[in-house]
C-alpha atoms as a PDB file:
ATOM      1  CA  UNK A   1      25.653-123.277  14.244  1.00  0.00           C
ATOM      2  CA  UNK A   2      25.994-121.164  17.380  1.00  0.00           C
ATOM      3  CA  UNK A   3      27.563-117.747  17.006  1.00  0.00           C
ATOM      4  CA  UNK A   4      30.222-116.486  19.386  1.00  0.00           C
ATOM      5  CA  UNK A   5      31.895-113.145  19.870  1.00  0.00           C
ATOM      6  CA  UNK A   6      35.153-111.643  21.003  1.00  0.00           C
ATOM      7  CA  UNK A   7      34.646-108.152  22.385  1.00  0.00           C
ATOM      8  CA  UNK A   8      36.382-105.181  24.002  1.00  0.00           C
ATOM      9  CA  UNK A   9      34.971-103.320  27.005  1.00  0.00           C
ATOM     10  CA  UNK A  10      36.591-100.114  28.245  1.00  0.00           C
ATOM     11  CA  UNK A  11      36.166 -97.710  31.111  1.00  0.00           C
ATOM     12  CA  UNK A  12      34.910 -94.113  30.856  1.00  0.00           C
ATOM     13  CA  UNK A  13      38.360 -92.695  30.094  1.00  0.00           C
ATOM     14  CA  UNK A  14      39.257 -95.493  27.624  1.00  0.00           C
ATOM     15  CA  UNK A  15      42.345 -96.194  29.716  1.00  0.00           C
ATOM     16  CA  UNK A  16      41.530 -99.834  30.524  1.00  0.00           C
ATOM     17  CA  UNK A  17      40.714-102.397  27.821  1.00  0.00           C
ATOM     18  CA  UNK A  18      39.117-105.740  28.705  1.00  0.00           C
ATOM     19  CA  UNK A  19      38.897-108.508  26.092  1.00  0.00           C
ATOM     20  CA  UNK A  20      36.377-111.312  26.493  1.00  0.00           C
ATOM     21  CA  UNK A  21      34.376-113.921  24.596  1.00  0.00           C
ATOM     22  CA  UNK A  22      30.712-114.877  24.796  1.00  0.00           C
ATOM     23  CA  UNK A  23      27.964-116.678  22.934  1.00  0.00           C
ATOM     24  CA  UNK A  24      25.396-114.034  23.937  1.00  0.00           C
ATOM     25  CA  UNK A  25      26.860-110.576  23.515  1.00  0.00           C
ATOM     26  CA  UNK A  26      23.729-108.682  24.556  1.00  0.00           C
ATOM     27  CA  UNK A  27      23.433-110.574  27.829  1.00  0.00           C
ATOM     28  CA  UNK A  28      27.166-110.385  28.545  1.00  0.00           C
ATOM     29  CA  UNK A  29      27.402-106.623  27.894  1.00  0.00           C
ATOM     30  CA  UNK A  30      24.401-106.121  30.182  1.00  0.00           C
ATOM     31  CA  UNK A  31      26.201-108.095  32.896  1.00  0.00           C
ATOM     32  CA  UNK A  32      29.257-105.854  32.517  1.00  0.00           C
ATOM     33  CA  UNK A  33      27.161-102.689  32.621  1.00  0.00           C
ATOM     34  CA  UNK A  34      25.304-103.763  35.757  1.00  0.00           C
ATOM     35  CA  UNK A  35      28.426-105.201  37.416  1.00  0.00           C
ATOM     36  CA  UNK A  36      26.578-108.499  37.851  1.00  0.00           C
ATOM     37  CA  UNK A  37      29.811-110.295  38.720  1.00  0.00           C
ATOM     38  CA  UNK A  38      32.790-109.206  40.778  1.00  0.00           C
ATOM     39  CA  UNK A  39      35.925-109.181  38.678  1.00  0.00           C
ATOM     40  CA  UNK A  40      38.146-107.154  36.416  1.00  0.00           C
ATOM     41  CA  UNK A  41      35.453-105.214  34.560  1.00  0.00           C
ATOM     42  CA  UNK A  42      33.527-104.274  37.703  1.00  0.00           C
ATOM     43  CA  UNK A  43      36.739-103.310  39.533  1.00  0.00           C
ATOM     44  CA  UNK A  44      37.931-101.063  36.690  1.00  0.00           C
ATOM     45  CA  UNK A  45      34.439 -99.875  35.615  1.00  0.00           C
ATOM     46  CA  UNK A  46      34.694-101.305  32.107  1.00  0.00           C
ATOM     47  CA  UNK A  47      31.134-100.809  30.942  1.00  0.00           C
ATOM     48  CA  UNK A  48      31.479 -99.481  27.400  1.00  0.00           C
ATOM     49  CA  UNK A  49      31.509-101.853  24.399  1.00  0.00           C
ATOM     50  CA  UNK A  50      33.859-100.420  21.793  1.00  0.00           C
ATOM     51  CA  UNK A  51      34.672-103.387  19.546  1.00  0.00           C
ATOM     52  CA  UNK A  52      33.459-106.893  18.731  1.00  0.00           C
ATOM     53  CA  UNK A  53      33.879-109.620  16.141  1.00  0.00           C
ATOM     54  CA  UNK A  54      31.425-112.421  15.376  1.00  0.00           C
ATOM     55  CA  UNK A  55      32.384-116.040  14.651  1.00  0.00           C
ATOM     56  CA  UNK A  56      30.575-119.263  13.740  1.00  0.00           C
ATOM     57  CA  UNK A  57      33.159-121.466  15.445  1.00  0.00           C
ATOM     58  CA  UNK A  58      33.971-121.196  19.166  1.00  0.00           C
ATOM     59  CA  UNK A  59      37.518-122.467  18.551  1.00  0.00           C
ATOM     60  CA  UNK A  60      38.151-119.583  16.155  1.00  0.00           C
ATOM     61  CA  UNK A  61      36.769-117.206  18.777  1.00  0.00           C
ATOM     62  CA  UNK A  62      39.098-118.574  21.448  1.00  0.00           C
ATOM     63  CA  UNK A  63      42.113-118.371  19.136  1.00  0.00           C
ATOM     64  CA  UNK A  64      41.249-114.789  18.191  1.00  0.00           C
ATOM     65  CA  UNK A  65      40.875-113.825  21.863  1.00  0.00           C
ATOM     66  CA  UNK A  66      44.316-115.274  22.629  1.00  0.00           C
ATOM     67  CA  UNK A  67      45.805-113.409  19.670  1.00  0.00           C
ATOM     68  CA  UNK A  68      44.247-110.116  20.736  1.00  0.00           C
ATOM     69  CA  UNK A  69      45.244-110.482  24.368  1.00  0.00           C
ATOM     70  CA  UNK A  70      48.843-111.210  23.337  1.00  0.00           C
ATOM     71  CA  UNK A  71      49.055-107.963  21.370  1.00  0.00           C
ATOM     72  CA  UNK A  72      50.173-104.658  22.731  1.00  0.00           C
ATOM     73  CA  UNK A  73      47.875-101.739  23.585  1.00  0.00           C
ATOM     74  CA  UNK A  74      48.753 -99.890  20.398  1.00  0.00           C
ATOM     75  CA  UNK A  75      47.491-102.795  18.263  1.00  0.00           C
ATOM     76  CA  UNK A  76      44.252-102.920  20.284  1.00  0.00           C
ATOM     77  CA  UNK A  77      43.717 -99.164  19.920  1.00  0.00           C
ATOM     78  CA  UNK A  78      44.307 -99.358  16.172  1.00  0.00           C
ATOM     79  CA  UNK A  79      41.830-102.223  15.862  1.00  0.00           C
ATOM     80  CA  UNK A  80      39.157-100.339  17.825  1.00  0.00           C
ATOM     81  CA  UNK A  81      39.680 -97.197  15.752  1.00  0.00           C
ATOM     82  CA  UNK A  82      39.284 -99.075  12.458  1.00  0.00           C
ATOM     83  CA  UNK A  83      35.557 -99.364  13.221  1.00  0.00           C
ATOM     84  CA  UNK A  84      34.994 -96.958  16.101  1.00  0.00           C
ATOM     85  CA  UNK A  85      37.202 -93.896  15.740  1.00  0.00           C
ATOM     86  CA  UNK A  86      35.553 -92.001  18.604  1.00  0.00           C
ATOM     87  CA  UNK A  87      35.332 -94.971  20.992  1.00  0.00           C
ATOM     88  CA  UNK A  88      31.549 -94.693  21.258  1.00  0.00           C
ATOM     89  CA  UNK A  89      29.612 -97.327  23.188  1.00  0.00           C
ATOM     90  CA  UNK A  90      28.415 -99.672  20.443  1.00  0.00           C
ATOM     91  CA  UNK A  91      25.719-100.986  22.783  1.00  0.00           C
ATOM     92  CA  UNK A  92      24.284 -97.551  23.649  1.00  0.00           C
ATOM     93  CA  UNK A  93      21.139 -98.166  21.563  1.00  0.00           C
ATOM     94  CA  UNK A  94      20.657-101.779  22.577  1.00  0.00           C
ATOM     95  CA  UNK A  95      17.608-102.751  24.586  1.00  0.00           C
ATOM     96  CA  UNK A  96      18.515-104.917  27.537  1.00  0.00           C
ATOM     97  CA  UNK A  97      15.993-107.282  29.062  1.00  0.00           C
ATOM     98  CA  UNK A  98      16.340-107.656  32.788  1.00  0.00           C
ATOM     99  CA  UNK A  99      14.859-111.151  32.964  1.00  0.00           C
END
């Protein structure tokens, strides 16, 4: 069973929250950090992983992403702060392969 993730990336000031899904969170976070693709996260410098959830079913992941995106900012902030009160980059200690 392939794992999938819903995750939040934010900018330096924590003023912009991006919500996405992926099946490879390490690779996807690396892509955000290096601005590998032009888009929302590169435009708004969202390169800090502050929250993620892991799922065994991609349909559950998609439903959760929709639910989170439909919520207001206050709900997103509260969710982040349940596991990451200081909004630290959860990927700061990850080792990223460049190949």
